[in-house]
C-alpha atoms as a PDB file:
ATOM      1  CA  MET A   1       1.604  16.079   8.639  1.00  0.00           C
ATOM      2  CA  TYR A   2       1.177  13.099  11.367  1.00  0.00           C
ATOM      3  CA  SER A   3       2.398  11.660  14.286  1.00  0.00           C
ATOM      4  CA  ILE A   4       6.041   9.763  15.113  1.00  0.00           C
ATOM      5  CA  ARG A   5       3.998   6.723  15.899  1.00  0.00           C
ATOM      6  CA  THR A   6       1.555   6.978  12.776  1.00  0.00           C
ATOM      7  CA  GLU A   7       4.617   7.721  10.599  1.00  0.00           C
ATOM      8  CA  GLN A   8       6.267   4.208  11.606  1.00  0.00           C
ATOM      9  CA  ALA A   9       3.840   2.244  11.346  1.00  0.00           C
ATOM     10  CA  TYR A  10       3.365   3.577   7.442  1.00  0.00           C
ATOM     11  CA  THR A  11       7.225   2.410   7.084  1.00  0.00           C
ATOM     12  CA  ASP A  12       6.677  -0.627   8.557  1.00  0.00           C
ATOM     13  CA  TRP A  13       3.862  -1.775   6.371  1.00  0.00           C
ATOM     14  CA  ILE A  14       5.556  -0.157   3.389  1.00  0.00           C
ATOM     15  CA  LYS A  15       8.917  -2.421   4.506  1.00  0.00           C
ATOM     16  CA  ARG A  16       6.870  -5.680   5.137  1.00  0.00           C
ATOM     17  CA  TYR A  17       5.281  -4.813   1.460  1.00  0.00           C
ATOM     18  CA  ILE A  18       8.611  -4.492  -0.345  1.00  0.00           C
ATOM     19  CA  LEU A  19      10.090  -7.826   1.103  1.00  0.00           C
ATOM     20  CA  HIS A  20       6.266  -8.906   0.401  1.00  0.00           C
ATOM     21  CA  SER A  21       7.118  -8.874  -2.939  1.00  0.00           C
ATOM     22  CA  ASP A  22      10.492 -10.252  -3.334  1.00  0.00           C
ATOM     23  CA  LYS A  23      11.902  -6.324  -2.997  1.00  0.00           C
ATOM     24  CA  ARG A  24      10.183  -5.966  -6.776  1.00  0.00           C
ATOM     25  CA  HIS A  25       9.213  -2.428  -8.168  1.00  0.00           C
ATOM     26  CA  PRO A  26       5.557  -1.399  -7.282  1.00  0.00           C
ATOM     27  CA  HIS A  27       5.695   0.155 -10.841  1.00  0.00           C
ATOM     28  CA  ASP A  28       6.714  -3.924 -12.569  1.00  0.00           C
ATOM     29  CA  MET A  29       3.757  -5.510  -9.927  1.00  0.00           C
ATOM     30  CA  GLY A  30       0.191  -5.230 -10.656  1.00  0.00           C
ATOM     31  CA  ALA A  31      -3.063  -5.870  -8.361  1.00  0.00           C
ATOM     32  CA  SER A  32      -3.023  -9.906  -7.905  1.00  0.00           C
ATOM     33  CA  GLU A  33       0.499  -8.663  -6.708  1.00  0.00           C
ATOM     34  CA  MET A  34      -1.160  -6.704  -3.324  1.00  0.00           C
ATOM     35  CA  MET A  35      -3.794  -8.597  -3.440  1.00  0.00           C
ATOM     36  CA  GLN A  36      -1.434 -11.741  -3.068  1.00  0.00           C
ATOM     37  CA  PHE A  37      -0.087  -8.515   0.104  1.00  0.00           C
ATOM     38  CA  LEU A  38      -2.835  -8.871   1.389  1.00  0.00           C
ATOM     39  CA  THR A  39      -4.444 -11.441   1.660  1.00  0.00           C
ATOM     40  CA  HIS A  40      -1.059 -13.370   2.940  1.00  0.00           C
ATOM     41  CA  LEU A  41      -1.614 -10.505   5.938  1.00  0.00           C
ATOM     42  CA  ALA A  42      -5.083 -11.552   6.682  1.00  0.00           C
ATOM     43  CA  VAL A  43      -4.078 -15.173   6.666  1.00  0.00           C
ATOM     44  CA  GLN A  44      -0.952 -14.595   8.823  1.00  0.00           C
ATOM     45  CA  ARG A  45      -3.147 -12.549  11.433  1.00  0.00           C
ATOM     46  CA  ILE A  46      -5.431 -14.994  11.326  1.00  0.00           C
ATOM     47  CA  ASP A  47      -3.501 -17.297  12.212  1.00  0.00           C
ATOM     48  CA  GLY A  48      -1.440 -15.164  14.906  1.00  0.00           C
ATOM     49  CA  ALA A  49      -4.846 -14.587  16.641  1.00  0.00           C
ATOM     50  CA  LYS A  50      -4.810 -18.099  16.643  1.00  0.00           C
ATOM     51  CA  THR A  51      -1.309 -18.875  18.682  1.00  0.00           C
ATOM     52  CA  GLN A  52      -2.924 -15.933  20.948  1.00  0.00           C
ATOM     53  CA  ALA A  53      -5.772 -17.662  22.334  1.00  0.00           C
ATOM     54  CA  ALA A  54      -5.100 -21.053  22.322  1.00  0.00           C
ATOM     55  CA  LYS A  55      -2.004 -19.092  25.170  1.00  0.00           C
ATOM     56  CA  ARG A  56      -4.301 -17.560  26.845  1.00  0.00           C
END
């Protein structure tokens, strides 16, 4: 059993993936869609880190 915070984090990631994939079912998608999602996250985090660094 996971802690409630871990379950909340997993639920958040699932929601992000669902919304990013335009609510398509995972069975209808392949590895390329997952790579697009992971790339999106990486770019978003890099931009977010740059924004946070600029505020300091």
